Amino acid sequence: MTRFGRRPLAPGHAGEWAALRNVIQEADGSDEHSSEQDLREALGSPSQDFASGSIGIYDGRTMVGYGVLTCRSEADPAHDMRYEGGVHPFYRGRGLGGELLDWAERAAVPLHDDRFPGRPLSLSSGCLSGNTGAVALHEQRGYQPTRWFHDMVRDLSAPIPLAVVPPGVGIAGYAPGMAEHARLVRNESFRDHWGSTETNAENWAHFLASGAFRPRFSFLAYQGSEPLGMLISREHEATTAVTGRRELYIALVGTRAAGRKRGIATALLSTAMSAARADGYDQAALGVDADSLTGAVRLYERVGFTVARTWTAYRKRLA
């Protein structure tokens, strides 16, 4: 029987971690791709403790499985810690997926106790809804399906609606001095979204420092000096390298309560897509809660996005 090694992930593991993730995503039918730089940045995330909250499983020098825990910024009413992991397709069926979930449930407890002692703890995970093996593993381990999310795509060669900006509102291209305005909009607009917690200044700065961030295709909507909406775009060059298509990934779209139902989000989307098409992008993509209370799925469908695949989010209450 193979004797596997196990150790936490560290910056020096970014390349092998990216290679493993890409093999897993390809086998599972996801359109996500990671570069070494992407994961080197992830390993510097201030919201994660990789020394205690990550694991790589090795066959010799080859990483064949991994798991990562992410703590949340709030525990209201419970601390819903996030788990992401996977096993190389060749090594499946050997119990490694179950081992990783067992590790995650054990490792989550001290991380949680350091941050929110005495508060309830749950662990959330997820997989493509059509991944029968991953679905079965979660259900066998007592995880309950709690939410569904869509990956949506939009061909930018198709006509793009004109950006109709509401009276009294202006749309401005992102500039560094707008970072705090964008965070304010992000936190207020996502406050009523399922599973969302506040993003603090440190995590927001890390997010905007990513090499994937595309300021030229990110925008804020203002009424006077008051920010009402924002759209933040990214480009994952690893995806372009694999698919041959330039894809603008719309990481965040949000509108504060005072700006909703006025067409601001639609105007931001049209503005970003038009700018991306003019620069040679082939398609746009985004992720959305299938049951969003703000009707986001319908909004994206109206501007030409279609569902490419669906993910299931699972949750388990931990003692």
C-alpha atoms as a PDB file:
ATOM      1  CA  MET A   1       0.000   0.000   0.000  1.00  0.00           C
ATOM      2  CA  THR A   2       1.275   3.497  -0.840  1.00  0.00           C
ATOM      3  CA  ARG A   3       2.590   5.444   2.153  1.00  0.00           C
ATOM      4  CA  PHE A   4       1.561   9.060   1.682  1.00  0.00           C
ATOM      5  CA  GLY A   5       3.303  12.078   3.172  1.00  0.00           C
ATOM      6  CA  ARG A   6       1.375  14.968   4.646  1.00  0.00           C
ATOM      7  CA  ARG A   7       2.451  18.538   5.379  1.00  0.00           C
ATOM      8  CA  PRO A   8       0.975  22.070   5.384  1.00  0.00           C
ATOM      9  CA  LEU A   9       1.032  24.161   2.226  1.00  0.00           C
ATOM     10  CA  ALA A  10       3.666  26.895   1.995  1.00  0.00           C
ATOM     11  CA  PRO A  11       4.711  29.473  -0.647  1.00  0.00           C
ATOM     12  CA  GLY A  12       7.251  27.034  -2.095  1.00  0.00           C
ATOM     13  CA  HIS A  13       4.393  24.649  -2.920  1.00  0.00           C
ATOM     14  CA  ALA A  14       2.479  27.093  -5.144  1.00  0.00           C
ATOM     15  CA  GLY A  15       3.586  25.501  -8.427  1.00  0.00           C
ATOM     16  CA  GLU A  16       2.743  21.928  -7.501  1.00  0.00           C
ATOM     17  CA  TRP A  17      -0.513  23.047  -5.898  1.00  0.00           C
ATOM     18  CA  ALA A  18      -1.498  24.841  -9.124  1.00  0.00           C
ATOM     19  CA  ALA A  19      -0.640  21.745 -11.181  1.00  0.00           C
ATOM     20  CA  LEU A  20      -2.794  19.533  -8.937  1.00  0.00           C
ATOM     21  CA  ARG A  21      -5.743  21.946  -8.918  1.00  0.00           C
ATOM     22  CA  ASN A  22      -5.687  22.180 -12.700  1.00  0.00           C
ATOM     23  CA  VAL A  23      -5.709  18.390 -13.127  1.00  0.00           C
ATOM     24  CA  ILE A  24      -8.629  18.132 -10.687  1.00  0.00           C
ATOM     25  CA  GLN A  25     -10.618  20.919 -12.365  1.00  0.00           C
ATOM     26  CA  GLU A  26     -10.052  19.395 -15.799  1.00  0.00           C
ATOM     27  CA  ALA A  27     -11.244  15.976 -14.628  1.00  0.00           C
ATOM     28  CA  ASP A  28     -14.304  17.390 -12.866  1.00  0.00           C
ATOM     29  CA  GLY A  29     -15.447  19.595 -15.755  1.00  0.00           C
ATOM     30  CA  SER A  30     -14.794  22.965 -14.178  1.00  0.00           C
ATOM     31  CA  ASP A  31     -13.594  25.893 -16.258  1.00  0.00           C
ATOM     32  CA  GLU A  32     -11.329  27.190 -13.468  1.00  0.00           C
ATOM     33  CA  HIS A  33      -7.567  27.287 -13.975  1.00  0.00           C
ATOM     34  CA  SER A  34      -4.863  28.410 -11.575  1.00  0.00           C
ATOM     35  CA  SER A  35      -1.365  29.735 -12.145  1.00  0.00           C
ATOM     36  CA  GLU A  36       1.537  29.478  -9.730  1.00  0.00           C
ATOM     37  CA  GLN A  37       1.297  33.260  -9.199  1.00  0.00           C
ATOM     38  CA  ASP A  38      -2.422  33.010  -8.368  1.00  0.00           C
ATOM     39  CA  LEU A  39      -1.738  30.501  -5.605  1.00  0.00           C
ATOM     40  CA  ARG A  40       1.373  32.258  -4.348  1.00  0.00           C
ATOM     41  CA  GLU A  41      -0.895  35.260  -3.751  1.00  0.00           C
ATOM     42  CA  ALA A  42      -3.516  33.040  -2.109  1.00  0.00           C
ATOM     43  CA  LEU A  43      -0.876  31.692   0.266  1.00  0.00           C
ATOM     44  CA  GLY A  44      -0.390  35.266   1.502  1.00  0.00           C
ATOM     45  CA  SER A  45      -4.066  35.767   2.368  1.00  0.00           C
ATOM     46  CA  PRO A  46      -4.525  37.449   5.780  1.00  0.00           C
ATOM     47  CA  SER A  47      -7.749  35.490   6.372  1.00  0.00           C
ATOM     48  CA  GLN A  48      -6.045  32.099   6.257  1.00  0.00           C
ATOM     49  CA  ASP A  49      -3.587  30.318   8.537  1.00  0.00           C
ATOM     50  CA  PHE A  50      -1.856  27.919   6.166  1.00  0.00           C
ATOM     51  CA  ALA A  51       0.450  26.541   8.864  1.00  0.00           C
ATOM     52  CA  SER A  52      -2.546  25.183  10.814  1.00  0.00           C
ATOM     53  CA  GLY A  53      -5.334  25.329   8.232  1.00  0.00           C
ATOM     54  CA  SER A  54      -3.928  23.566   5.186  1.00  0.00           C
ATOM     55  CA  ILE A  55      -2.596  20.166   4.182  1.00  0.00           C
ATOM     56  CA  GLY A  56      -0.947  18.627   1.142  1.00  0.00           C
ATOM     57  CA  ILE A  57      -0.906  14.861   0.624  1.00  0.00           C
ATOM     58  CA  TYR A  58       2.137  13.569  -1.243  1.00  0.00           C
ATOM     59  CA  ASP A  59       3.103  10.419  -3.065  1.00  0.00           C
ATOM     60  CA  GLY A  60       6.843  10.875  -2.929  1.00  0.00           C
ATOM     61  CA  ARG A  61       7.422  14.404  -4.245  1.00  0.00           C
ATOM     62  CA  THR A  62       4.101  14.630  -6.082  1.00  0.00           C
ATOM     63  CA  MET A  63       1.168  16.424  -4.447  1.00  0.00           C
ATOM     64  CA  VAL A  64      -1.890  14.205  -4.941  1.00  0.00           C
ATOM     65  CA  GLY A  65      -4.401  15.825  -2.578  1.00  0.00           C
ATOM     66  CA  TYR A  66      -4.908  19.065  -0.693  1.00  0.00           C
ATOM     67  CA  GLY A  67      -7.218  20.777   1.773  1.00  0.00           C
ATOM     68  CA  VAL A  68      -7.507  24.431   2.827  1.00  0.00           C
ATOM     69  CA  LEU A  69      -9.610  26.093   5.532  1.00  0.00           C
ATOM     70  CA  THR A  70     -10.707  29.728   5.466  1.00  0.00           C
ATOM     71  CA  CYS A  71     -11.924  31.493   8.603  1.00  0.00           C
ATOM     72  CA  ARG A  72     -14.654  34.097   8.339  1.00  0.00           C
ATOM     73  CA  SER A  73     -14.645  37.635   9.686  1.00  0.00           C
ATOM     74  CA  GLU A  74     -17.814  37.155  11.764  1.00  0.00           C
ATOM     75  CA  ALA A  75     -19.627  34.473  13.757  1.00  0.00           C
ATOM     76  CA  ASP A  76     -23.197  35.712  13.544  1.00  0.00           C
ATOM     77  CA  PRO A  77     -24.995  33.553  14.472  1.00  0.00           C
ATOM     78  CA  ALA A  78     -22.314  30.879  13.818  1.00  0.00           C
ATOM     79  CA  HIS A  79     -18.792  30.800  12.443  1.00  0.00           C
ATOM     80  CA  ASP A  80     -19.253  29.157   9.051  1.00  0.00           C
ATOM     81  CA  MET A  81     -15.708  28.162   8.155  1.00  0.00           C
ATOM     82  CA  ARG A  82     -14.998  27.267   4.516  1.00  0.00           C
ATOM     83  CA  TYR A  83     -13.212  24.164   3.256  1.00  0.00           C
ATOM     84  CA  GLU A  84     -11.765  23.581  -0.209  1.00  0.00           C
ATOM     85  CA  GLY A  85      -9.979  20.399  -1.198  1.00  0.00           C
ATOM     86  CA  GLY A  86      -9.479  17.779  -3.841  1.00  0.00           C
ATOM     87  CA  VAL A  87      -7.735  14.562  -4.850  1.00  0.00           C
ATOM     88  CA  HIS A  88      -5.875  13.793  -8.069  1.00  0.00           C
ATOM     89  CA  PRO A  89      -8.152  11.634 -10.311  1.00  0.00           C
ATOM     90  CA  PHE A  90      -5.600   8.779 -10.394  1.00  0.00           C
ATOM     91  CA  TYR A  91      -5.613   8.583  -6.571  1.00  0.00           C
ATOM     92  CA  ARG A  92      -9.361   8.570  -6.030  1.00  0.00           C
ATOM     93  CA  GLY A  93     -11.068   5.564  -4.484  1.00  0.00           C
ATOM     94  CA  ARG A  94      -8.361   5.176  -1.823  1.00  0.00           C
ATOM     95  CA  GLY A  95     -10.114   7.079   0.973  1.00  0.00           C
ATOM     96  CA  LEU A  96      -8.130  10.299   0.589  1.00  0.00           C
ATOM     97  CA  GLY A  97     -11.198  12.491   0.046  1.00  0.00           C
ATOM     98  CA  GLY A  98     -12.721  11.249   3.292  1.00  0.00           C
ATOM     99  CA  GLU A  99      -9.383  11.680   5.071  1.00  0.00           C
ATOM    100  CA  LEU A 100      -9.238  15.303   3.935  1.00  0.00           C
ATOM    101  CA  LEU A 101     -12.743  16.030   5.244  1.00  0.00           C
ATOM    102  CA  ASP A 102     -11.837  14.357   8.571  1.00  0.00           C
ATOM    103  CA  TRP A 103      -8.708  16.504   8.744  1.00  0.00           C
ATOM    104  CA  ALA A 104     -10.737  19.644   7.996  1.00  0.00           C
ATOM    105  CA  GLU A 105     -13.221  18.922  10.781  1.00  0.00           C
ATOM    106  CA  ARG A 106     -10.400  18.391  13.293  1.00  0.00           C
ATOM    107  CA  ALA A 107      -8.289  21.344  12.176  1.00  0.00           C
ATOM    108  CA  ALA A 108     -11.272  23.726  12.117  1.00  0.00           C
ATOM    109  CA  VAL A 109     -11.882  23.490  15.867  1.00  0.00           C
ATOM    110  CA  PRO A 110      -8.678  25.114  17.217  1.00  0.00           C
ATOM    111  CA  LEU A 111      -8.731  27.739  14.477  1.00  0.00           C
ATOM    112  CA  HIS A 112     -12.306  28.565  15.450  1.00  0.00           C
ATOM    113  CA  ASP A 113     -11.576  28.578  19.194  1.00  0.00           C
ATOM    114  CA  ASP A 114      -8.769  31.099  18.669  1.00  0.00           C
ATOM    115  CA  ARG A 115     -11.155  33.513  16.952  1.00  0.00           C
ATOM    116  CA  PHE A 116     -14.664  32.918  18.279  1.00  0.00           C
ATOM    117  CA  PRO A 117     -14.461  30.873  21.506  1.00  0.00           C
ATOM    118  CA  GLY A 118     -17.802  29.605  22.709  1.00  0.00           C
ATOM    119  CA  ARG A 119     -19.625  30.401  19.462  1.00  0.00           C
ATOM    120  CA  PRO A 120     -21.228  27.715  17.246  1.00  0.00           C
ATOM    121  CA  LEU A 121     -19.090  26.350  14.415  1.00  0.00           C
ATOM    122  CA  SER A 122     -20.073  24.901  11.049  1.00  0.00           C
ATOM    123  CA  LEU A 123     -18.018  23.808   8.059  1.00  0.00           C
ATOM    124  CA  SER A 124     -19.057  24.550   4.483  1.00  0.00           C
ATOM    125  CA  SER A 125     -17.766  22.798   1.396  1.00  0.00           C
ATOM    126  CA  GLY A 126     -18.900  22.485  -2.191  1.00  0.00           C
ATOM    127  CA  CYS A 127     -18.627  20.677  -5.497  1.00  0.00           C
ATOM    128  CA  LEU A 128     -20.047  20.697  -8.988  1.00  0.00           C
ATOM    129  CA  SER A 129     -23.612  19.435  -8.779  1.00  0.00           C
ATOM    130  CA  GLY A 130     -22.890  16.789 -11.429  1.00  0.00           C
ATOM    131  CA  ASN A 131     -19.843  15.391  -9.617  1.00  0.00           C
ATOM    132  CA  THR A 132     -21.512  12.239  -8.293  1.00  0.00           C
ATOM    133  CA  GLY A 133     -18.476  11.057  -6.341  1.00  0.00           C
ATOM    134  CA  ALA A 134     -18.062  14.337  -4.456  1.00  0.00           C
ATOM    135  CA  VAL A 135     -21.820  14.606  -3.849  1.00  0.00           C
ATOM    136  CA  ALA A 136     -21.878  11.092  -2.366  1.00  0.00           C
ATOM    137  CA  LEU A 137     -18.832  11.785  -0.178  1.00  0.00           C
ATOM    138  CA  HIS A 138     -20.389  14.916   1.345  1.00  0.00           C
ATOM    139  CA  GLU A 139     -23.722  13.225   1.981  1.00  0.00           C
ATOM    140  CA  GLN A 140     -22.094  10.136   3.505  1.00  0.00           C
ATOM    141  CA  ARG A 141     -20.184  12.384   5.901  1.00  0.00           C
ATOM    142  CA  GLY A 142     -23.303  14.177   7.109  1.00  0.00           C
ATOM    143  CA  TYR A 143     -23.085  17.368   5.037  1.00  0.00           C
ATOM    144  CA  GLN A 144     -26.414  18.868   3.997  1.00  0.00           C
ATOM    145  CA  PRO A 145     -26.960  20.699   0.682  1.00  0.00           C
ATOM    146  CA  THR A 146     -27.769  24.301   1.589  1.00  0.00           C
ATOM    147  CA  ARG A 147     -27.377  26.440  -1.531  1.00  0.00           C
ATOM    148  CA  TRP A 148     -26.693  26.349  -5.259  1.00  0.00           C
ATOM    149  CA  PHE A 149     -24.485  28.654  -7.310  1.00  0.00           C
ATOM    150  CA  HIS A 150     -24.199  29.150 -11.066  1.00  0.00           C
ATOM    151  CA  ASP A 151     -21.186  29.871 -13.222  1.00  0.00           C
ATOM    152  CA  MET A 152     -22.487  32.133 -15.995  1.00  0.00           C
ATOM    153  CA  VAL A 153     -20.794  33.166 -19.249  1.00  0.00           C
ATOM    154  CA  ARG A 154     -21.433  35.770 -21.931  1.00  0.00           C
ATOM    155  CA  ASP A 155     -20.118  35.849 -25.498  1.00  0.00           C
ATOM    156  CA  LEU A 156     -18.781  39.371 -26.034  1.00  0.00           C
ATOM    157  CA  SER A 157     -19.106  39.125 -29.803  1.00  0.00           C
ATOM    158  CA  ALA A 158     -22.898  39.271 -29.368  1.00  0.00           C
ATOM    159  CA  PRO A 159     -24.522  42.735 -29.192  1.00  0.00           C
ATOM    160  CA  ILE A 160     -24.074  44.438 -25.815  1.00  0.00           C
ATOM    161  CA  PRO A 161     -26.868  46.671 -24.482  1.00  0.00           C
ATOM    162  CA  LEU A 162     -26.043  50.350 -24.284  1.00  0.00           C
ATOM    163  CA  ALA A 163     -25.210  51.536 -20.782  1.00  0.00           C
ATOM    164  CA  VAL A 164     -28.268  53.543 -19.731  1.00  0.00           C
ATOM    165  CA  VAL A 165     -27.101  55.491 -16.686  1.00  0.00           C
ATOM    166  CA  PRO A 166     -29.896  56.766 -14.392  1.00  0.00           C
ATOM    167  CA  PRO A 167     -30.327  60.547 -14.106  1.00  0.00           C
ATOM    168  CA  GLY A 168     -28.063  62.043 -11.468  1.00  0.00           C
ATOM    169  CA  VAL A 169     -25.708  59.059 -11.483  1.00  0.00           C
ATOM    170  CA  GLY A 170     -22.229  58.945 -13.019  1.00  0.00           C
ATOM    171  CA  ILE A 171     -19.992  55.955 -13.753  1.00  0.00           C
ATOM    172  CA  ALA A 172     -16.255  56.376 -13.168  1.00  0.00           C
ATOM    173  CA  GLY A 173     -13.375  54.073 -14.010  1.00  0.00           C
ATOM    174  CA  TYR A 174     -11.655  52.624 -10.962  1.00  0.00           C
ATOM    175  CA  ALA A 175      -8.729  54.557  -9.471  1.00  0.00           C
ATOM    176  CA  PRO A 176      -6.662  53.674  -6.356  1.00  0.00           C
ATOM    177  CA  GLY A 177      -8.290  56.424  -4.318  1.00  0.00           C
ATOM    178  CA  MET A 178     -11.650  54.668  -4.745  1.00  0.00           C
ATOM    179  CA  ALA A 179     -10.628  51.520  -2.861  1.00  0.00           C
ATOM    180  CA  GLU A 180     -12.441  52.410   0.347  1.00  0.00           C
ATOM    181  CA  HIS A 181     -15.565  53.510  -1.553  1.00  0.00           C
ATOM    182  CA  ALA A 182     -15.575  50.149  -3.344  1.00  0.00           C
ATOM    183  CA  ARG A 183     -15.230  48.292  -0.023  1.00  0.00           C
ATOM    184  CA  LEU A 184     -18.099  50.282   1.470  1.00  0.00           C
ATOM    185  CA  VAL A 185     -20.334  49.326  -1.478  1.00  0.00           C
ATOM    186  CA  ARG A 186     -19.178  45.703  -1.323  1.00  0.00           C
ATOM    187  CA  ASN A 187     -19.976  45.339   2.369  1.00  0.00           C
ATOM    188  CA  GLU A 188     -23.354  47.066   2.262  1.00  0.00           C
ATOM    189  CA  SER A 189     -24.558  45.471  -0.966  1.00  0.00           C
ATOM    190  CA  PHE A 190     -23.628  41.939   0.130  1.00  0.00           C
ATOM    191  CA  ARG A 191     -24.896  42.292   3.691  1.00  0.00           C
ATOM    192  CA  ASP A 192     -28.144  40.478   2.858  1.00  0.00           C
ATOM    193  CA  HIS A 193     -26.489  37.788   0.704  1.00  0.00           C
ATOM    194  CA  TRP A 194     -26.411  34.204   1.931  1.00  0.00           C
ATOM    195  CA  GLY A 195     -23.180  33.321   3.721  1.00  0.00           C
ATOM    196  CA  SER A 196     -21.574  36.727   3.228  1.00  0.00           C
ATOM    197  CA  THR A 197     -19.542  38.471   5.942  1.00  0.00           C
ATOM    198  CA  GLU A 198     -17.857  41.869   6.091  1.00  0.00           C
ATOM    199  CA  THR A 199     -14.543  42.345   4.290  1.00  0.00           C
ATOM    200  CA  ASN A 200     -12.070  44.287   6.429  1.00  0.00           C
ATOM    201  CA  ALA A 201      -9.521  46.754   5.077  1.00  0.00           C
ATOM    202  CA  GLU A 202      -6.626  44.284   5.254  1.00  0.00           C
ATOM    203  CA  ASN A 203      -8.405  41.580   3.260  1.00  0.00           C
ATOM    204  CA  TRP A 204      -9.727  44.133   0.768  1.00  0.00           C
ATOM    205  CA  ALA A 205      -6.222  45.486   0.154  1.00  0.00           C
ATOM    206  CA  HIS A 206      -4.977  41.930  -0.433  1.00  0.00           C
ATOM    207  CA  PHE A 207      -7.824  41.297  -2.887  1.00  0.00           C
ATOM    208  CA  LEU A 208      -7.080  44.454  -4.879  1.00  0.00           C
ATOM    209  CA  ALA A 209      -3.330  43.758  -4.881  1.00  0.00           C
ATOM    210  CA  SER A 210      -3.843  40.579  -6.912  1.00  0.00           C
ATOM    211  CA  GLY A 211      -2.121  40.384 -10.266  1.00  0.00           C
ATOM    212  CA  ALA A 212      -5.470  39.252 -11.693  1.00  0.00           C
ATOM    213  CA  PHE A 213      -7.225  42.536 -10.792  1.00  0.00           C
ATOM    214  CA  ARG A 214      -8.082  44.636 -13.846  1.00  0.00           C
ATOM    215  CA  PRO A 215      -8.638  48.293 -12.814  1.00  0.00           C
ATOM    216  CA  ARG A 216      -9.236  49.346 -16.453  1.00  0.00           C
ATOM    217  CA  PHE A 217     -12.376  47.194 -16.540  1.00  0.00           C
ATOM    218  CA  SER A 218     -13.617  48.001 -13.023  1.00  0.00           C
ATOM    219  CA  PHE A 219     -16.066  50.824 -12.335  1.00  0.00           C
ATOM    220  CA  LEU A 220     -17.933  52.672  -9.584  1.00  0.00           C
ATOM    221  CA  ALA A 221     -21.275  54.450  -9.817  1.00  0.00           C
ATOM    222  CA  TYR A 222     -21.700  57.719  -7.925  1.00  0.00           C
ATOM    223  CA  GLN A 223     -24.546  60.059  -7.130  1.00  0.00           C
ATOM    224  CA  GLY A 224     -22.668  63.252  -6.433  1.00  0.00           C
ATOM    225  CA  SER A 225     -19.857  62.165  -4.107  1.00  0.00           C
ATOM    226  CA  GLU A 226     -21.813  59.181  -2.753  1.00  0.00           C
ATOM    227  CA  PRO A 227     -20.779  55.733  -4.096  1.00  0.00           C
ATOM    228  CA  LEU A 228     -23.833  53.623  -4.942  1.00  0.00           C
ATOM    229  CA  GLY A 229     -22.503  50.721  -7.011  1.00  0.00           C
ATOM    230  CA  MET A 230     -19.301  48.967  -7.998  1.00  0.00           C
ATOM    231  CA  LEU A 231     -18.037  46.335 -10.433  1.00  0.00           C
ATOM    232  CA  ILE A 232     -14.641  44.689  -9.926  1.00  0.00           C
ATOM    233  CA  SER A 233     -13.073  42.677 -12.758  1.00  0.00           C
ATOM    234  CA  ARG A 234     -10.261  40.168 -12.911  1.00  0.00           C
ATOM    235  CA  GLU A 235      -8.507  38.215 -15.638  1.00  0.00           C
ATOM    236  CA  HIS A 236      -7.034  34.771 -14.999  1.00  0.00           C
ATOM    237  CA  GLU A 237      -4.266  34.344 -17.518  1.00  0.00           C
ATOM    238  CA  ALA A 238      -4.072  30.622 -16.757  1.00  0.00           C
ATOM    239  CA  THR A 239      -7.583  30.290 -18.203  1.00  0.00           C
ATOM    240  CA  THR A 240      -6.562  32.107 -21.380  1.00  0.00           C
ATOM    241  CA  ALA A 241      -3.519  29.855 -21.734  1.00  0.00           C
ATOM    242  CA  VAL A 242      -5.684  26.725 -21.601  1.00  0.00           C
ATOM    243  CA  THR A 243      -8.762  27.871 -23.549  1.00  0.00           C
ATOM    244  CA  GLY A 244      -7.221  30.335 -25.998  1.00  0.00           C
ATOM    245  CA  ARG A 245      -9.996  32.803 -25.111  1.00  0.00           C
ATOM    246  CA  ARG A 246      -9.524  36.049 -23.202  1.00  0.00           C
ATOM    247  CA  GLU A 247     -12.090  36.045 -20.427  1.00  0.00           C
ATOM    248  CA  LEU A 248     -13.044  38.990 -18.250  1.00  0.00           C
ATOM    249  CA  TYR A 249     -14.102  37.566 -14.898  1.00  0.00           C
ATOM    250  CA  ILE A 250     -16.537  39.865 -13.110  1.00  0.00           C
ATOM    251  CA  ALA A 251     -15.607  39.076  -9.534  1.00  0.00           C
ATOM    252  CA  LEU A 252     -18.026  41.451  -7.807  1.00  0.00           C
ATOM    253  CA  VAL A 253     -21.073  43.485  -8.759  1.00  0.00           C
ATOM    254  CA  GLY A 254     -22.914  45.301  -6.013  1.00  0.00           C
ATOM    255  CA  THR A 255     -25.406  48.113  -5.461  1.00  0.00           C
ATOM    256  CA  ARG A 256     -26.190  49.717  -2.133  1.00  0.00           C
ATOM    257  CA  ALA A 257     -29.823  49.713  -1.022  1.00  0.00           C
ATOM    258  CA  ALA A 258     -30.287  53.371  -2.036  1.00  0.00           C
ATOM    259  CA  GLY A 259     -29.255  52.560  -5.596  1.00  0.00           C
ATOM    260  CA  ARG A 260     -31.233  49.400  -6.257  1.00  0.00           C
ATOM    261  CA  LYS A 261     -33.992  49.063  -8.853  1.00  0.00           C
ATOM    262  CA  ARG A 262     -32.556  52.011 -10.820  1.00  0.00           C
ATOM    263  CA  GLY A 263     -30.587  50.147 -13.481  1.00  0.00           C
ATOM    264  CA  ILE A 264     -27.171  50.898 -11.956  1.00  0.00           C
ATOM    265  CA  ALA A 265     -25.936  47.283 -11.978  1.00  0.00           C
ATOM    266  CA  THR A 266     -27.071  46.870 -15.599  1.00  0.00           C
ATOM    267  CA  ALA A 267     -25.233  50.056 -16.596  1.00  0.00           C
ATOM    268  CA  LEU A 268     -22.057  48.882 -14.832  1.00  0.00           C
ATOM    269  CA  LEU A 269     -22.210  45.502 -16.585  1.00  0.00           C
ATOM    270  CA  SER A 270     -22.776  47.055 -20.012  1.00  0.00           C
ATOM    271  CA  THR A 271     -19.932  49.519 -19.442  1.00  0.00           C
ATOM    272  CA  ALA A 272     -17.484  46.793 -18.404  1.00  0.00           C
ATOM    273  CA  MET A 273     -18.446  44.405 -21.216  1.00  0.00           C
ATOM    274  CA  SER A 274     -18.203  47.107 -23.879  1.00  0.00           C
ATOM    275  CA  ALA A 275     -14.762  48.137 -22.641  1.00  0.00           C
ATOM    276  CA  ALA A 276     -13.625  44.502 -22.565  1.00  0.00           C
ATOM    277  CA  ARG A 277     -14.849  43.794 -26.088  1.00  0.00           C
ATOM    278  CA  ALA A 278     -13.067  46.895 -27.390  1.00  0.00           C
ATOM    279  CA  ASP A 279      -9.860  45.569 -25.836  1.00  0.00           C
ATOM    280  CA  GLY A 280     -10.171  42.157 -27.489  1.00  0.00           C
ATOM    281  CA  TYR A 281     -11.753  40.019 -24.786  1.00  0.00           C
ATOM    282  CA  ASP A 282     -13.771  37.073 -26.091  1.00  0.00           C
ATOM    283  CA  GLN A 283     -16.152  36.441 -23.225  1.00  0.00           C
ATOM    284  CA  ALA A 284     -17.205  37.531 -19.752  1.00  0.00           C
ATOM    285  CA  ALA A 285     -17.923  35.243 -16.830  1.00  0.00           C
ATOM    286  CA  LEU A 286     -19.199  35.499 -13.263  1.00  0.00           C
ATOM    287  CA  GLY A 287     -20.587  33.443 -10.393  1.00  0.00           C
ATOM    288  CA  VAL A 288     -23.984  33.970  -8.763  1.00  0.00           C
ATOM    289  CA  ASP A 289     -26.158  32.591  -5.981  1.00  0.00           C
ATOM    290  CA  ALA A 290     -28.979  30.752  -7.765  1.00  0.00           C
ATOM    291  CA  ASP A 291     -31.452  31.981  -5.113  1.00  0.00           C
ATOM    292  CA  SER A 292     -30.153  35.537  -4.753  1.00  0.00           C
ATOM    293  CA  LEU A 293     -32.703  37.725  -2.983  1.00  0.00           C
ATOM    294  CA  THR A 294     -31.820  40.619  -5.298  1.00  0.00           C
ATOM    295  CA  GLY A 295     -32.794  38.696  -8.450  1.00  0.00           C
ATOM    296  CA  ALA A 296     -29.205  38.675  -9.728  1.00  0.00           C
ATOM    297  CA  VAL A 297     -29.695  35.664 -12.012  1.00  0.00           C
ATOM    298  CA  ARG A 298     -32.475  37.418 -13.933  1.00  0.00           C
ATOM    299  CA  LEU A 299     -30.375  40.580 -14.146  1.00  0.00           C
ATOM    300  CA  TYR A 300     -27.457  38.696 -15.697  1.00  0.00           C
ATOM    301  CA  GLU A 301     -29.720  36.824 -18.083  1.00  0.00           C
ATOM    302  CA  ARG A 302     -31.172  40.131 -19.307  1.00  0.00           C
ATOM    303  CA  VAL A 303     -27.706  41.305 -20.373  1.00  0.00           C
ATOM    304  CA  GLY A 304     -26.934  38.030 -22.142  1.00  0.00           C
ATOM    305  CA  PHE A 305     -25.328  35.713 -19.579  1.00  0.00           C
ATOM    306  CA  THR A 306     -26.254  32.018 -19.579  1.00  0.00           C
ATOM    307  CA  VAL A 307     -25.659  29.273 -17.007  1.00  0.00           C
ATOM    308  CA  ALA A 308     -22.634  27.114 -17.821  1.00  0.00           C
ATOM    309  CA  ARG A 309     -22.556  24.904 -14.722  1.00  0.00           C
ATOM    310  CA  THR A 310     -23.983  24.696 -11.189  1.00  0.00           C
ATOM    311  CA  TRP A 311     -22.287  24.087  -7.836  1.00  0.00           C
ATOM    312  CA  THR A 312     -23.822  22.725  -4.632  1.00  0.00           C
ATOM    313  CA  ALA A 313     -22.798  24.199  -1.293  1.00  0.00           C
ATOM    314  CA  TYR A 314     -22.821  21.777   1.661  1.00  0.00           C
ATOM    315  CA  ARG A 315     -22.743  22.538   5.375  1.00  0.00           C
ATOM    316  CA  LYS A 316     -22.178  20.497   8.533  1.00  0.00           C
ATOM    317  CA  ARG A 317     -22.546  21.666  12.106  1.00  0.00           C
ATOM    318  CA  LEU A 318     -19.473  20.757  14.152  1.00  0.00           C
ATOM    319  CA  ALA A 319     -19.589  20.040  17.859  1.00  0.00           C
END
